[in-house]
């Protein structure tokens, strides 16, 4: 099982980034997925769950700003992040349902 995130970087407040998570080694189309983030000295924050049919459920802190999607044909998960703020700075991870498998994370830094 492999999950590889990409798309992180440095952005100014109000900017946007699109994260990707390319997966392999399991039946992606039959697996619910999630995005989470972690800030040093803070715990892990689950951001969004995305079910096999694309149904999503967001945490309030990102609702209306972040959009998760999936391409089952490409076994890839996406996270479109708009109107980013400094509080969104974190390492972002994709994970399989329940946190059984994780990617290595991609750093997002929001600063002026």
Protein backbone atom coordinates (compact mmCIF):
# COMPACT_ATOMS: atom_id res chain seq x y z
CA UNK A 1 0.00 0.00 0.00
CA UNK A 2 1.38 3.39 -0.94
CA UNK A 3 0.02 6.90 -0.61
CA UNK A 4 2.04 9.83 -1.94
CA UNK A 5 0.95 13.41 -1.34
CA UNK A 6 2.12 16.37 -3.39
CA UNK A 7 1.13 19.95 -4.08
CA UNK A 8 2.10 21.61 -0.84
CA UNK A 9 4.12 24.77 -0.71
CA UNK A 10 4.23 28.38 0.34
CA UNK A 11 1.26 30.66 -0.31
CA UNK A 12 0.12 34.07 0.86
CA UNK A 13 -3.09 34.51 2.89
CA UNK A 14 -6.11 34.29 0.63
CA UNK A 15 -4.28 32.06 -1.82
CA UNK A 16 -5.04 28.55 -3.02
CA UNK A 17 -3.31 25.22 -3.32
CA UNK A 18 -4.38 21.85 -4.67
CA UNK A 19 -3.04 18.76 -2.98
CA UNK A 20 -2.93 15.37 -4.66
CA UNK A 21 -2.59 11.92 -3.15
CA UNK A 22 -1.63 9.20 -5.59
CA UNK A 23 -2.32 5.74 -4.23
CA UNK A 24 -1.45 2.17 -5.14
CA UNK A 25 -1.53 -1.31 -3.68
CA UNK A 26 -5.17 -1.47 -2.66
CA UNK A 27 -8.63 -1.15 -4.15
CA UNK A 28 -8.94 2.64 -4.09
CA UNK A 29 -12.43 2.75 -5.55
CA UNK A 30 -13.70 0.54 -2.73
CA UNK A 31 -12.01 2.49 0.04
CA UNK A 32 -13.17 5.57 1.89
CA UNK A 33 -10.40 8.13 2.27
CA UNK A 34 -9.61 11.16 4.36
CA UNK A 35 -7.42 14.23 4.60
CA UNK A 36 -5.90 15.33 7.88
CA UNK A 37 -3.29 17.82 9.01
CA UNK A 38 -0.88 18.21 11.86
CA UNK A 39 0.73 21.27 13.37
CA UNK A 40 3.75 20.91 15.65
CA UNK A 41 2.73 20.87 19.32
CA UNK A 42 -0.85 20.18 18.29
CA UNK A 43 -2.74 17.01 17.67
CA UNK A 44 -3.88 15.59 14.39
CA UNK A 45 -6.92 17.29 12.90
CA UNK A 46 -9.14 15.30 10.61
CA UNK A 47 -10.36 17.61 7.86
CA UNK A 48 -12.60 15.67 5.54
CA UNK A 49 -13.79 12.17 4.88
CA UNK A 50 -14.65 11.17 1.34
CA UNK A 51 -16.63 8.03 0.73
CA UNK A 52 -16.40 5.64 -2.19
CA UNK A 53 -19.19 7.46 -4.03
CA UNK A 54 -17.56 10.86 -3.50
CA UNK A 55 -19.78 11.95 -0.63
CA UNK A 56 -17.84 14.22 1.70
CA UNK A 57 -17.99 15.39 5.28
CA UNK A 58 -15.90 18.36 6.41
CA UNK A 59 -14.79 19.67 9.75
CA UNK A 60 -16.19 23.15 10.44
CA UNK A 61 -12.79 24.86 10.30
CA UNK A 62 -12.43 24.15 6.56
CA UNK A 63 -16.04 23.90 5.43
CA UNK A 64 -16.68 26.22 2.52
CA UNK A 65 -12.96 26.72 1.81
CA UNK A 66 -11.66 23.20 1.14
CA UNK A 67 -13.05 20.75 -1.40
CA UNK A 68 -12.11 17.10 -1.47
CA UNK A 69 -12.58 14.95 -4.54
CA UNK A 70 -11.43 11.64 -5.90
CA UNK A 71 -10.66 10.11 -9.27
CA UNK A 72 -11.22 6.41 -8.91
CA UNK A 73 -9.86 5.72 -12.40
CA UNK A 74 -6.54 7.27 -11.37
CA UNK A 75 -6.63 6.05 -7.75
CA UNK A 76 -6.02 9.64 -6.74
CA UNK A 77 -7.43 11.85 -4.03
CA UNK A 78 -7.46 15.64 -4.22
CA UNK A 79 -7.88 18.53 -1.81
CA UNK A 80 -8.57 21.95 -3.26
CA UNK A 81 -7.81 24.58 -0.62
CA UNK A 82 -9.01 28.13 -1.17
CA UNK A 83 -8.80 31.28 0.94
CA UNK A 84 -5.91 29.83 2.89
CA UNK A 85 -5.02 31.48 6.17
CA UNK A 86 -1.94 31.29 8.41
CA UNK A 87 -3.83 28.94 10.74
CA UNK A 88 -3.96 26.45 7.86
CA UNK A 89 -0.17 26.04 7.93
CA UNK A 90 0.48 22.38 8.68
CA UNK A 91 1.66 19.10 7.26
CA UNK A 92 -1.20 17.61 5.27
CA UNK A 93 -1.75 13.87 5.03
CA UNK A 94 -4.05 11.60 3.12
CA UNK A 95 -5.13 8.36 4.74
CA UNK A 96 -7.31 5.37 4.16
CA UNK A 97 -10.49 4.97 6.15
CA UNK A 98 -9.82 4.71 9.85
CA UNK A 99 -6.20 5.74 9.42
CA UNK A 100 -4.97 2.32 8.45
CA UNK A 101 -2.51 3.69 5.90
CA UNK A 102 -0.96 7.13 5.59
CA UNK A 103 1.11 9.10 3.16
CA UNK A 104 4.32 10.87 4.10
CA UNK A 105 2.66 14.28 4.20
CA UNK A 106 3.17 17.53 2.35
CA UNK A 107 3.96 20.85 4.01
CA UNK A 108 1.65 23.82 3.53
CA UNK A 109 2.82 27.21 4.76
CA UNK A 110 0.58 30.26 4.62
CA UNK A 111 2.29 33.53 5.38
CA UNK A 112 2.61 37.07 4.17
